[in-house]
Amino acid sequence: MTSAVTEEAWNEFHSVVNMTSRELQDWLRTRAADEDAEQPPPHAGNKTGRRVLAILAKRPGDLTEADAKVMREVVDTVRAQRKPELEPEAGDGPWRHALMDIGHDPLKPPSDPAA
């Protein structure tokens, strides 16, 4: 790990970002699509979602301080809006979609840490 991101921060980020990079990319492209055109992948979705997607593509040693800041923001946002155990929860559409915009699908069951 780099000095920018500890192993604990890396693990916590990956525990709350439960969408794969492919799922997040597809979601951001869907959200960015309108009736006239679809945004190209590098510009699809919100800024934080695009940053999360970039972080998911990196190795821990390649992360920067800016990446660490985004990771902390995402963890804080998800933890503030979810119960600590992150059990699947439906909620309303806008709430779920806002969390999915940053890589967390509240309907997905928690991953098995032993797997």
PDB file of N, CA and C in Angstrom:
ATOM      1  N   MET A   1       0.843  -1.190   0.000  1.00  0.00           N
ATOM      2  CA  MET A   1       0.000   0.000   0.000  1.00  0.00           C
ATOM      3  C   MET A   1       0.881   1.244   0.000  1.00  0.00           C
ATOM      4  N   THR A   2       0.331   2.294  -0.525  1.00  0.00           N
ATOM      5  CA  THR A   2       1.040   3.565  -0.515  1.00  0.00           C
ATOM      6  C   THR A   2       0.751   4.291   0.782  1.00  0.00           C
ATOM      7  N   SER A   3       1.494   5.352   1.005  1.00  0.00           N
ATOM      8  CA  SER A   3       1.216   6.147   2.198  1.00  0.00           C
ATOM      9  C   SER A   3      -0.129   6.855   2.064  1.00  0.00           C
ATOM     10  N   ALA A   4      -0.624   6.998   0.838  1.00  0.00           N
ATOM     11  CA  ALA A   4      -1.911   7.669   0.611  1.00  0.00           C
ATOM     12  C   ALA A   4      -3.081   6.812   1.080  1.00  0.00           C
ATOM     13  N   VAL A   5      -2.957   5.496   0.953  1.00  0.00           N
ATOM     14  CA  VAL A   5      -4.071   4.601   1.277  1.00  0.00           C
ATOM     15  C   VAL A   5      -3.562   3.424   2.107  1.00  0.00           C
ATOM     16  N   THR A   6      -4.128   3.278   3.279  1.00  0.00           N
ATOM     17  CA  THR A   6      -3.767   2.144   4.136  1.00  0.00           C
ATOM     18  C   THR A   6      -4.538   0.905   3.677  1.00  0.00           C
ATOM     19  N   GLU A   7      -4.095  -0.234   4.131  1.00  0.00           N
ATOM     20  CA  GLU A   7      -4.800  -1.479   3.817  1.00  0.00           C
ATOM     21  C   GLU A   7      -6.220  -1.435   4.377  1.00  0.00           C
ATOM     22  N   GLU A   8      -6.365  -0.858   5.574  1.00  0.00           N
ATOM     23  CA  GLU A   8      -7.687  -0.733   6.189  1.00  0.00           C
ATOM     24  C   GLU A   8      -8.617   0.131   5.325  1.00  0.00           C
ATOM     25  N   ALA A   9      -8.113   1.255   4.821  1.00  0.00           N
ATOM     26  CA  ALA A   9      -8.921   2.135   3.965  1.00  0.00           C
ATOM     27  C   ALA A   9      -9.286   1.431   2.662  1.00  0.00           C
ATOM     28  N   TRP A  10      -8.339   0.703   2.094  1.00  0.00           N
ATOM     29  CA  TRP A  10      -8.580  -0.055   0.861  1.00  0.00           C
ATOM     30  C   TRP A  10      -9.693  -1.079   1.083  1.00  0.00           C
ATOM     31  N   ASN A  11      -9.604  -1.819   2.178  1.00  0.00           N
ATOM     32  CA  ASN A  11     -10.608  -2.848   2.469  1.00  0.00           C
ATOM     33  C   ASN A  11     -11.976  -2.241   2.754  1.00  0.00           C
ATOM     34  N   GLU A  12     -12.002  -1.141   3.497  1.00  0.00           N
ATOM     35  CA  GLU A  12     -13.283  -0.510   3.802  1.00  0.00           C
ATOM     36  C   GLU A  12     -13.933   0.031   2.531  1.00  0.00           C
ATOM     37  N   PHE A  13     -13.138   0.654   1.672  1.00  0.00           N
ATOM     38  CA  PHE A  13     -13.659   1.155   0.401  1.00  0.00           C
ATOM     39  C   PHE A  13     -14.281   0.018  -0.403  1.00  0.00           C
ATOM     40  N   HIS A  14     -13.569  -1.090  -0.483  1.00  0.00           N
ATOM     41  CA  HIS A  14     -14.077  -2.222  -1.258  1.00  0.00           C
ATOM     42  C   HIS A  14     -15.240  -2.938  -0.570  1.00  0.00           C
ATOM     43  N   SER A  15     -15.427  -2.712   0.710  1.00  0.00           N
ATOM     44  CA  SER A  15     -16.587  -3.301   1.360  1.00  0.00           C
ATOM     45  C   SER A  15     -17.852  -2.492   1.069  1.00  0.00           C
ATOM     46  N   VAL A  16     -17.712  -1.187   0.868  1.00  0.00           N
ATOM     47  CA  VAL A  16     -18.902  -0.376   0.569  1.00  0.00           C
ATOM     48  C   VAL A  16     -19.134  -0.235  -0.934  1.00  0.00           C
ATOM     49  N   VAL A  17     -18.085  -0.262  -1.729  1.00  0.00           N
ATOM     50  CA  VAL A  17     -18.255  -0.227  -3.186  1.00  0.00           C
ATOM     51  C   VAL A  17     -18.445  -1.682  -3.610  1.00  0.00           C
ATOM     52  N   ASN A  18     -19.715  -2.073  -3.678  1.00  0.00           N
ATOM     53  CA  ASN A  18     -20.032  -3.474  -3.935  1.00  0.00           C
ATOM     54  C   ASN A  18     -20.410  -3.749  -5.394  1.00  0.00           C
ATOM     55  N   MET A  19     -20.327  -2.738  -6.222  1.00  0.00           N
ATOM     56  CA  MET A  19     -20.570  -2.944  -7.646  1.00  0.00           C
ATOM     57  C   MET A  19     -19.217  -3.196  -8.321  1.00  0.00           C
ATOM     58  N   THR A  20     -19.205  -4.093  -9.289  1.00  0.00           N
ATOM     59  CA  THR A  20     -17.981  -4.306 -10.049  1.00  0.00           C
ATOM     60  C   THR A  20     -17.750  -3.094 -10.946  1.00  0.00           C
ATOM     61  N   SER A  21     -16.542  -2.986 -11.468  1.00  0.00           N
ATOM     62  CA  SER A  21     -16.270  -1.863 -12.369  1.00  0.00           C
ATOM     63  C   SER A  21     -17.188  -1.925 -13.588  1.00  0.00           C
ATOM     64  N   ARG A  22     -17.475  -3.113 -14.066  1.00  0.00           N
ATOM     65  CA  ARG A  22     -18.376  -3.262 -15.223  1.00  0.00           C
ATOM     66  C   ARG A  22     -19.790  -2.816 -14.868  1.00  0.00           C
ATOM     67  N   GLU A  23     -20.284  -3.240 -13.698  1.00  0.00           N
ATOM     68  CA  GLU A  23     -21.622  -2.831 -13.265  1.00  0.00           C
ATOM     69  C   GLU A  23     -21.707  -1.312 -13.104  1.00  0.00           C
ATOM     70  N   LEU A  24     -20.677  -0.724 -12.498  1.00  0.00           N
ATOM     71  CA  LEU A  24     -20.674   0.721 -12.297  1.00  0.00           C
ATOM     72  C   LEU A  24     -20.596   1.452 -13.627  1.00  0.00           C
ATOM     73  N   GLN A  25     -19.741   0.986 -14.519  1.00  0.00           N
ATOM     74  CA  GLN A  25     -19.629   1.618 -15.834  1.00  0.00           C
ATOM     75  C   GLN A  25     -20.961   1.556 -16.580  1.00  0.00           C
ATOM     76  N   ASP A  26     -21.591   0.403 -16.584  1.00  0.00           N
ATOM     77  CA  ASP A  26     -22.890   0.262 -17.258  1.00  0.00           C
ATOM     78  C   ASP A  26     -23.935   1.170 -16.617  1.00  0.00           C
ATOM     79  N   TRP A  27     -23.927   1.239 -15.277  1.00  0.00           N
ATOM     80  CA  TRP A  27     -24.886   2.083 -14.572  1.00  0.00           C
ATOM     81  C   TRP A  27     -24.666   3.557 -14.926  1.00  0.00           C
ATOM     82  N   LEU A  28     -23.421   4.011 -14.897  1.00  0.00           N
ATOM     83  CA  LEU A  28     -23.137   5.417 -15.195  1.00  0.00           C
ATOM     84  C   LEU A  28     -23.516   5.766 -16.637  1.00  0.00           C
ATOM     85  N   ARG A  29     -23.271   4.841 -17.544  1.00  0.00           N
ATOM     86  CA  ARG A  29     -23.647   5.086 -18.939  1.00  0.00           C
ATOM     87  C   ARG A  29     -25.161   5.157 -19.081  1.00  0.00           C
ATOM     88  N   THR A  30     -25.883   4.309 -18.370  1.00  0.00           N
ATOM     89  CA  THR A  30     -27.345   4.325 -18.410  1.00  0.00           C
ATOM     90  C   THR A  30     -27.879   5.627 -17.844  1.00  0.00           C
ATOM     91  N   ARG A  31     -27.303   6.060 -16.714  1.00  0.00           N
ATOM     92  CA  ARG A  31     -27.745   7.306 -16.078  1.00  0.00           C
ATOM     93  C   ARG A  31     -27.450   8.522 -16.957  1.00  0.00           C
ATOM     94  N   ALA A  32     -26.371   8.466 -17.735  1.00  0.00           N
ATOM     95  CA  ALA A  32     -25.976   9.604 -18.565  1.00  0.00           C
ATOM     96  C   ALA A  32     -26.714   9.636 -19.899  1.00  0.00           C
ATOM     97  N   ALA A  33     -27.360   8.528 -20.241  1.00  0.00           N
ATOM     98  CA  ALA A  33     -28.051   8.467 -21.524  1.00  0.00           C
ATOM     99  C   ALA A  33     -29.307   9.322 -21.493  1.00  0.00           C
ATOM    100  N   ASP A  34     -29.561  10.002 -22.586  1.00  0.00           N
ATOM    101  CA  ASP A  34     -30.831  10.702 -22.742  1.00  0.00           C
ATOM    102  C   ASP A  34     -31.430  10.276 -24.060  1.00  0.00           C
ATOM    103  N   GLU A  35     -32.532  10.871 -24.431  1.00  0.00           N
ATOM    104  CA  GLU A  35     -33.200  10.405 -25.641  1.00  0.00           C
ATOM    105  C   GLU A  35     -32.421  10.717 -26.914  1.00  0.00           C
ATOM    106  N   ASP A  36     -31.469  11.648 -26.864  1.00  0.00           N
ATOM    107  CA  ASP A  36     -30.726  12.011 -28.063  1.00  0.00           C
ATOM    108  C   ASP A  36     -29.387  11.299 -28.193  1.00  0.00           C
ATOM    109  N   ALA A  37     -28.698  11.129 -27.079  1.00  0.00           N
ATOM    110  CA  ALA A  37     -27.356  10.565 -27.175  1.00  0.00           C
ATOM    111  C   ALA A  37     -26.932   9.976 -25.842  1.00  0.00           C
ATOM    112  N   GLU A  38     -25.955   9.112 -25.925  1.00  0.00           N
ATOM    113  CA  GLU A  38     -25.359   8.532 -24.737  1.00  0.00           C
ATOM    114  C   GLU A  38     -23.974   9.120 -24.588  1.00  0.00           C
ATOM    115  N   GLN A  39     -23.611   9.487 -23.374  1.00  0.00           N
ATOM    116  CA  GLN A  39     -22.286  10.037 -23.130  1.00  0.00           C
ATOM    117  C   GLN A  39     -21.240   8.952 -23.371  1.00  0.00           C
ATOM    118  N   PRO A  40     -20.102   9.293 -23.955  1.00  0.00           N
ATOM    119  CA  PRO A  40     -19.032   8.304 -24.079  1.00  0.00           C
ATOM    120  C   PRO A  40     -18.531   7.900 -22.691  1.00  0.00           C
ATOM    121  N   PRO A  41     -18.030   6.678 -22.521  1.00  0.00           N
ATOM    122  CA  PRO A  41     -17.663   6.166 -21.202  1.00  0.00           C
ATOM    123  C   PRO A  41     -16.813   7.092 -20.336  1.00  0.00           C
ATOM    124  N   PRO A  42     -15.791   7.788 -20.841  1.00  0.00           N
ATOM    125  CA  PRO A  42     -15.006   8.614 -19.924  1.00  0.00           C
ATOM    126  C   PRO A  42     -15.789   9.792 -19.342  1.00  0.00           C
ATOM    127  N   HIS A  43     -16.909  10.129 -19.940  1.00  0.00           N
ATOM    128  CA  HIS A  43     -17.681  11.281 -19.488  1.00  0.00           C
ATOM    129  C   HIS A  43     -19.042  10.892 -18.913  1.00  0.00           C
ATOM    130  N   ALA A  44     -19.342   9.608 -18.894  1.00  0.00           N
ATOM    131  CA  ALA A  44     -20.652   9.154 -18.420  1.00  0.00           C
ATOM    132  C   ALA A  44     -20.717   9.215 -16.900  1.00  0.00           C
ATOM    133  N   GLY A  45     -21.862   9.619 -16.393  1.00  0.00           N
ATOM    134  CA  GLY A  45     -22.094   9.626 -14.953  1.00  0.00           C
ATOM    135  C   GLY A  45     -21.540  10.850 -14.260  1.00  0.00           C
ATOM    136  N   ASN A  46     -21.700  10.849 -12.938  1.00  0.00           N
ATOM    137  CA  ASN A  46     -21.228  11.996 -12.161  1.00  0.00           C
ATOM    138  C   ASN A  46     -19.727  11.895 -11.915  1.00  0.00           C
ATOM    139  N   LYS A  47     -19.148  12.997 -11.473  1.00  0.00           N
ATOM    140  CA  LYS A  47     -17.693  13.064 -11.284  1.00  0.00           C
ATOM    141  C   LYS A  47     -17.205  12.027 -10.268  1.00  0.00           C
ATOM    142  N   THR A  48     -17.891  11.905  -9.145  1.00  0.00           N
ATOM    143  CA  THR A  48     -17.456  10.948  -8.131  1.00  0.00           C
ATOM    144  C   THR A  48     -17.551   9.524  -8.650  1.00  0.00           C
ATOM    145  N   GLY A  49     -18.627   9.215  -9.351  1.00  0.00           N
ATOM    146  CA  GLY A  49     -18.768   7.883  -9.930  1.00  0.00           C
ATOM    147  C   GLY A  49     -17.643   7.558 -10.897  1.00  0.00           C
ATOM    148  N   ARG A  50     -17.264   8.534 -11.707  1.00  0.00           N
ATOM    149  CA  ARG A  50     -16.149   8.324 -12.647  1.00  0.00           C
ATOM    150  C   ARG A  50     -14.837   8.126 -11.890  1.00  0.00           C
ATOM    151  N   ARG A  51     -14.660   8.862 -10.783  1.00  0.00           N
ATOM    152  CA  ARG A  51     -13.446   8.704  -9.963  1.00  0.00           C
ATOM    153  C   ARG A  51     -13.410   7.321  -9.320  1.00  0.00           C
ATOM    154  N   VAL A  52     -14.562   6.850  -8.818  1.00  0.00           N
ATOM    155  CA  VAL A  52     -14.631   5.508  -8.232  1.00  0.00           C
ATOM    156  C   VAL A  52     -14.265   4.474  -9.290  1.00  0.00           C
ATOM    157  N   LEU A  53     -14.780   4.638 -10.477  1.00  0.00           N
ATOM    158  CA  LEU A  53     -14.465   3.719 -11.574  1.00  0.00           C
ATOM    159  C   LEU A  53     -12.958   3.708 -11.852  1.00  0.00           C
ATOM    160  N   ALA A  54     -12.330   4.876 -11.852  1.00  0.00           N
ATOM    161  CA  ALA A  54     -10.883   4.958 -12.068  1.00  0.00           C
ATOM    162  C   ALA A  54     -10.116   4.284 -10.930  1.00  0.00           C
ATOM    163  N   ILE A  55     -10.573   4.463  -9.701  1.00  0.00           N
ATOM    164  CA  ILE A  55      -9.916   3.837  -8.549  1.00  0.00           C
ATOM    165  C   ILE A  55     -10.015   2.316  -8.645  1.00  0.00           C
ATOM    166  N   LEU A  56     -11.170   1.812  -9.062  1.00  0.00           N
ATOM    167  CA  LEU A  56     -11.342   0.363  -9.188  1.00  0.00           C
ATOM    168  C   LEU A  56     -10.384  -0.238 -10.214  1.00  0.00           C
ATOM    169  N   ALA A  57      -9.935   0.568 -11.157  1.00  0.00           N
ATOM    170  CA  ALA A  57      -9.024   0.083 -12.199  1.00  0.00           C
ATOM    171  C   ALA A  57      -7.555   0.127 -11.764  1.00  0.00           C
ATOM    172  N   LYS A  58      -7.289   0.700 -10.589  1.00  0.00           N
ATOM    173  CA  LYS A  58      -5.905   0.856 -10.134  1.00  0.00           C
ATOM    174  C   LYS A  58      -5.495  -0.231  -9.153  1.00  0.00           C
ATOM    175  N   ARG A  59      -4.200  -0.418  -9.092  1.00  0.00           N
ATOM    176  CA  ARG A  59      -3.616  -1.267  -8.059  1.00  0.00           C
ATOM    177  C   ARG A  59      -3.399  -0.395  -6.820  1.00  0.00           C
ATOM    178  N   PRO A  60      -3.397  -0.990  -5.644  1.00  0.00           N
ATOM    179  CA  PRO A  60      -3.242  -0.190  -4.429  1.00  0.00           C
ATOM    180  C   PRO A  60      -2.014   0.727  -4.450  1.00  0.00           C
ATOM    181  N   GLY A  61      -0.917   0.268  -4.984  1.00  0.00           N
ATOM    182  CA  GLY A  61       0.304   1.067  -5.016  1.00  0.00           C
ATOM    183  C   GLY A  61       0.246   2.253  -5.955  1.00  0.00           C
ATOM    184  N   ASP A  62      -0.750   2.295  -6.817  1.00  0.00           N
ATOM    185  CA  ASP A  62      -0.870   3.391  -7.786  1.00  0.00           C
ATOM    186  C   ASP A  62      -1.819   4.489  -7.320  1.00  0.00           C
ATOM    187  N   LEU A  63      -2.403   4.325  -6.151  1.00  0.00           N
ATOM    188  CA  LEU A  63      -3.372   5.298  -5.659  1.00  0.00           C
ATOM    189  C   LEU A  63      -2.689   6.571  -5.175  1.00  0.00           C
ATOM    190  N   THR A  64      -3.361   7.692  -5.366  1.00  0.00           N
ATOM    191  CA  THR A  64      -2.840   8.999  -4.975  1.00  0.00           C
ATOM    192  C   THR A  64      -3.593   9.527  -3.763  1.00  0.00           C
ATOM    193  N   GLU A  65      -3.121  10.659  -3.232  1.00  0.00           N
ATOM    194  CA  GLU A  65      -3.844  11.328  -2.137  1.00  0.00           C
ATOM    195  C   GLU A  65      -5.251  11.697  -2.591  1.00  0.00           C
ATOM    196  N   ALA A  66      -5.386  12.156  -3.837  1.00  0.00           N
ATOM    197  CA  ALA A  66      -6.720  12.517  -4.359  1.00  0.00           C
ATOM    198  C   ALA A  66      -7.625  11.291  -4.388  1.00  0.00           C
ATOM    199  N   ASP A  67      -7.071  10.137  -4.760  1.00  0.00           N
ATOM    200  CA  ASP A  67      -7.851   8.898  -4.742  1.00  0.00           C
ATOM    201  C   ASP A  67      -8.277   8.565  -3.316  1.00  0.00           C
ATOM    202  N   ALA A  68      -7.352   8.720  -2.368  1.00  0.00           N
ATOM    203  CA  ALA A  68      -7.654   8.428  -0.965  1.00  0.00           C
ATOM    204  C   ALA A  68      -8.783   9.317  -0.463  1.00  0.00           C
ATOM    205  N   LYS A  69      -8.776  10.574  -0.875  1.00  0.00           N
ATOM    206  CA  LYS A  69      -9.836  11.503  -0.461  1.00  0.00           C
ATOM    207  C   LYS A  69     -11.191  11.041  -1.006  1.00  0.00           C
ATOM    208  N   VAL A  70     -11.234  10.650  -2.270  1.00  0.00           N
ATOM    209  CA  VAL A  70     -12.480  10.160  -2.866  1.00  0.00           C
ATOM    210  C   VAL A  70     -12.938   8.895  -2.152  1.00  0.00           C
ATOM    211  N   MET A  71     -12.002   8.016  -1.861  1.00  0.00           N
ATOM    212  CA  MET A  71     -12.347   6.775  -1.169  1.00  0.00           C
ATOM    213  C   MET A  71     -12.972   7.073   0.186  1.00  0.00           C
ATOM    214  N   ARG A  72     -12.391   8.009   0.945  1.00  0.00           N
ATOM    215  CA  ARG A  72     -12.948   8.375   2.251  1.00  0.00           C
ATOM    216  C   ARG A  72     -14.336   8.979   2.105  1.00  0.00           C
ATOM    217  N   GLU A  73     -14.512   9.836   1.096  1.00  0.00           N
ATOM    218  CA  GLU A  73     -15.820  10.458   0.871  1.00  0.00           C
ATOM    219  C   GLU A  73     -16.888   9.415   0.558  1.00  0.00           C
ATOM    220  N   VAL A  74     -16.540   8.450  -0.283  1.00  0.00           N
ATOM    221  CA  VAL A  74     -17.491   7.400  -0.648  1.00  0.00           C
ATOM    222  C   VAL A  74     -17.849   6.565   0.571  1.00  0.00           C
ATOM    223  N   VAL A  75     -16.857   6.153   1.332  1.00  0.00           N
ATOM    224  CA  VAL A  75     -17.113   5.364   2.542  1.00  0.00           C
ATOM    225  C   VAL A  75     -17.992   6.158   3.497  1.00  0.00           C
ATOM    226  N   ASP A  76     -17.661   7.422   3.734  1.00  0.00           N
ATOM    227  CA  ASP A  76     -18.448   8.253   4.645  1.00  0.00           C
ATOM    228  C   ASP A  76     -19.889   8.401   4.171  1.00  0.00           C
ATOM    229  N   THR A  77     -20.076   8.608   2.875  1.00  0.00           N
ATOM    230  CA  THR A  77     -21.417   8.777   2.317  1.00  0.00           C
ATOM    231  C   THR A  77     -22.239   7.509   2.491  1.00  0.00           C
ATOM    232  N   VAL A  78     -21.662   6.371   2.127  1.00  0.00           N
ATOM    233  CA  VAL A  78     -22.404   5.112   2.236  1.00  0.00           C
ATOM    234  C   VAL A  78     -22.701   4.803   3.697  1.00  0.00           C
ATOM    235  N   ARG A  79     -21.718   4.949   4.561  1.00  0.00           N
ATOM    236  CA  ARG A  79     -21.925   4.651   5.988  1.00  0.00           C
ATOM    237  C   ARG A  79     -22.979   5.574   6.599  1.00  0.00           C
ATOM    238  N   ALA A  80     -23.025   6.828   6.171  1.00  0.00           N
ATOM    239  CA  ALA A  80     -24.011   7.771   6.710  1.00  0.00           C
ATOM    240  C   ALA A  80     -25.427   7.421   6.268  1.00  0.00           C
ATOM    241  N   GLN A  81     -25.555   6.770   5.131  1.00  0.00           N
ATOM    242  CA  GLN A  81     -26.878   6.481   4.597  1.00  0.00           C
ATOM    243  C   GLN A  81     -27.312   5.032   4.766  1.00  0.00           C
ATOM    244  N   ARG A  82     -26.444   4.217   5.305  1.00  0.00           N
ATOM    245  CA  ARG A  82     -26.747   2.795   5.487  1.00  0.00           C
ATOM    246  C   ARG A  82     -26.523   2.367   6.915  1.00  0.00           C
ATOM    247  N   LYS A  83     -27.158   1.256   7.293  1.00  0.00           N
ATOM    248  CA  LYS A  83     -26.894   0.645   8.592  1.00  0.00           C
ATOM    249  C   LYS A  83     -25.493   0.042   8.550  1.00  0.00           C
ATOM    250  N   PRO A  84     -24.835  -0.080   9.688  1.00  0.00           N
ATOM    251  CA  PRO A  84     -23.456  -0.578   9.700  1.00  0.00           C
ATOM    252  C   PRO A  84     -23.263  -1.946   9.055  1.00  0.00           C
ATOM    253  N   GLU A  85     -24.260  -2.823   9.153  1.00  0.00           N
ATOM    254  CA  GLU A  85     -24.075  -4.172   8.605  1.00  0.00           C
ATOM    255  C   GLU A  85     -24.284  -4.252   7.096  1.00  0.00           C
ATOM    256  N   LEU A  86     -24.750  -3.186   6.463  1.00  0.00           N
ATOM    257  CA  LEU A  86     -24.933  -3.111   5.010  1.00  0.00           C
ATOM    258  C   LEU A  86     -25.776  -4.251   4.447  1.00  0.00           C
ATOM    259  N   GLU A  87     -26.766  -4.690   5.212  1.00  0.00           N
ATOM    260  CA  GLU A  87     -27.683  -5.717   4.719  1.00  0.00           C
ATOM    261  C   GLU A  87     -28.500  -5.141   3.559  1.00  0.00           C
ATOM    262  N   PRO A  88     -28.945  -5.989   2.618  1.00  0.00           N
ATOM    263  CA  PRO A  88     -29.740  -5.491   1.489  1.00  0.00           C
ATOM    264  C   PRO A  88     -30.966  -4.720   1.969  1.00  0.00           C
ATOM    265  N   GLU A  89     -31.216  -3.602   1.322  1.00  0.00           N
ATOM    266  CA  GLU A  89     -32.311  -2.721   1.712  1.00  0.00           C
ATOM    267  C   GLU A  89     -32.814  -2.002   0.463  1.00  0.00           C
ATOM    268  N   ALA A  90     -34.125  -2.017   0.255  1.00  0.00           N
ATOM    269  CA  ALA A  90     -34.678  -1.437  -0.964  1.00  0.00           C
ATOM    270  C   ALA A  90     -34.644   0.088  -0.948  1.00  0.00           C
ATOM    271  N   GLY A  91     -35.265   0.713   0.011  1.00  0.00           N
ATOM    272  CA  GLY A  91     -35.321   2.172   0.008  1.00  0.00           C
ATOM    273  C   GLY A  91     -36.064   2.683  -1.216  1.00  0.00           C
ATOM    274  N   ASP A  92     -36.064   3.994  -1.403  1.00  0.00           N
ATOM    275  CA  ASP A  92     -36.737   4.532  -2.575  1.00  0.00           C
ATOM    276  C   ASP A  92     -35.757   4.644  -3.747  1.00  0.00           C
ATOM    277  N   GLY A  93     -36.296   4.813  -4.935  1.00  0.00           N
ATOM    278  CA  GLY A  93     -35.492   4.851  -6.149  1.00  0.00           C
ATOM    279  C   GLY A  93     -34.399   5.904  -6.142  1.00  0.00           C
ATOM    280  N   PRO A  94     -34.713   7.170  -5.852  1.00  0.00           N
ATOM    281  CA  PRO A  94     -33.671   8.199  -5.877  1.00  0.00           C
ATOM    282  C   PRO A  94     -32.535   7.926  -4.874  1.00  0.00           C
ATOM    283  N   TRP A  95     -32.875   7.425  -3.699  1.00  0.00           N
ATOM    284  CA  TRP A  95     -31.857   7.096  -2.697  1.00  0.00           C
ATOM    285  C   TRP A  95     -30.938   5.986  -3.215  1.00  0.00           C
ATOM    286  N   ARG A  96     -31.541   4.915  -3.732  1.00  0.00           N
ATOM    287  CA  ARG A  96     -30.744   3.804  -4.263  1.00  0.00           C
ATOM    288  C   ARG A  96     -29.891   4.264  -5.441  1.00  0.00           C
ATOM    289  N   HIS A  97     -30.473   5.042  -6.330  1.00  0.00           N
ATOM    290  CA  HIS A  97     -29.736   5.497  -7.504  1.00  0.00           C
ATOM    291  C   HIS A  97     -28.567   6.396  -7.127  1.00  0.00           C
ATOM    292  N   ALA A  98     -28.756   7.239  -6.115  1.00  0.00           N
ATOM    293  CA  ALA A  98     -27.655   8.108  -5.671  1.00  0.00           C
ATOM    294  C   ALA A  98     -26.499   7.271  -5.121  1.00  0.00           C
ATOM    295  N   LEU A  99     -26.810   6.211  -4.378  1.00  0.00           N
ATOM    296  CA  LEU A  99     -25.754   5.338  -3.883  1.00  0.00           C
ATOM    297  C   LEU A  99     -25.098   4.552  -5.016  1.00  0.00           C
ATOM    298  N   MET A 100     -25.888   4.117  -5.970  1.00  0.00           N
ATOM    299  CA  MET A 100     -25.324   3.390  -7.108  1.00  0.00           C
ATOM    300  C   MET A 100     -24.412   4.290  -7.942  1.00  0.00           C
ATOM    301  N   ASP A 101     -24.686   5.578  -7.957  1.00  0.00           N
ATOM    302  CA  ASP A 101     -23.838   6.523  -8.692  1.00  0.00           C
ATOM    303  C   ASP A 101     -22.408   6.543  -8.161  1.00  0.00           C
ATOM    304  N   ILE A 102     -22.211   6.100  -6.915  1.00  0.00           N
ATOM    305  CA  ILE A 102     -20.863   6.060  -6.345  1.00  0.00           C
ATOM    306  C   ILE A 102     -20.387   4.620  -6.108  1.00  0.00           C
ATOM    307  N   GLY A 103     -21.096   3.649  -6.686  1.00  0.00           N
ATOM    308  CA  GLY A 103     -20.626   2.267  -6.671  1.00  0.00           C
ATOM    309  C   GLY A 103     -21.212   1.359  -5.618  1.00  0.00           C
ATOM    310  N   HIS A 104     -22.244   1.820  -4.909  1.00  0.00           N
ATOM    311  CA  HIS A 104     -22.857   0.976  -3.875  1.00  0.00           C
ATOM    312  C   HIS A 104     -24.311   0.677  -4.231  1.00  0.00           C
ATOM    313  N   ASP A 105     -24.605  -0.597  -4.447  1.00  0.00           N
ATOM    314  CA  ASP A 105     -25.979  -1.013  -4.701  1.00  0.00           C
ATOM    315  C   ASP A 105     -26.556  -1.568  -3.401  1.00  0.00           C
ATOM    316  N   PRO A 106     -27.505  -0.830  -2.779  1.00  0.00           N
ATOM    317  CA  PRO A 106     -28.029  -1.287  -1.498  1.00  0.00           C
ATOM    318  C   PRO A 106     -28.835  -2.576  -1.564  1.00  0.00           C
ATOM    319  N   LEU A 107     -29.153  -3.053  -2.756  1.00  0.00           N
ATOM    320  CA  LEU A 107     -29.888  -4.316  -2.873  1.00  0.00           C
ATOM    321  C   LEU A 107     -28.969  -5.521  -2.958  1.00  0.00           C
ATOM    322  N   LYS A 108     -27.677  -5.299  -3.144  1.00  0.00           N
ATOM    323  CA  LYS A 108     -26.738  -6.425  -3.213  1.00  0.00           C
ATOM    324  C   LYS A 108     -26.408  -6.892  -1.803  1.00  0.00           C
ATOM    325  N   PRO A 109     -26.395  -8.197  -1.593  1.00  0.00           N
ATOM    326  CA  PRO A 109     -26.005  -8.700  -0.269  1.00  0.00           C
ATOM    327  C   PRO A 109     -24.530  -8.415  -0.020  1.00  0.00           C
ATOM    328  N   PRO A 110     -24.140  -8.302   1.246  1.00  0.00           N
ATOM    329  CA  PRO A 110     -22.724  -8.078   1.563  1.00  0.00           C
ATOM    330  C   PRO A 110     -21.892  -9.242   1.048  1.00  0.00           C
ATOM    331  N   SER A 111     -20.685  -8.938   0.617  1.00  0.00           N
ATOM    332  CA  SER A 111     -19.823 -10.015   0.133  1.00  0.00           C
ATOM    333  C   SER A 111     -19.293 -10.806   1.322  1.00  0.00           C
ATOM    334  N   ASP A 112     -18.980 -12.055   1.071  1.00  0.00           N
ATOM    335  CA  ASP A 112     -18.469 -12.926   2.114  1.00  0.00           C
ATOM    336  C   ASP A 112     -16.964 -12.682   2.240  1.00  0.00           C
ATOM    337  N   PRO A 113     -16.502 -12.119   3.356  1.00  0.00           N
ATOM    338  CA  PRO A 113     -15.089 -11.824   3.497  1.00  0.00           C
ATOM    339  C   PRO A 113     -14.208 -13.069   3.471  1.00  0.00           C
ATOM    340  N   ALA A 114     -14.780 -14.235   3.744  1.00  0.00           N
ATOM    341  CA  ALA A 114     -14.007 -15.474   3.735  1.00  0.00           C
ATOM    342  C   ALA A 114     -13.835 -16.023   2.333  1.00  0.00           C
ATOM    343  N   ALA A 115     -14.604 -15.469   1.364  1.00  0.00           N
ATOM    344  CA  ALA A 115     -14.543 -16.022   0.003  1.00  0.00           C
ATOM    345  C   ALA A 115     -13.313 -15.564  -0.728  1.00  0.00           C
TER     346      ALA A 115
END
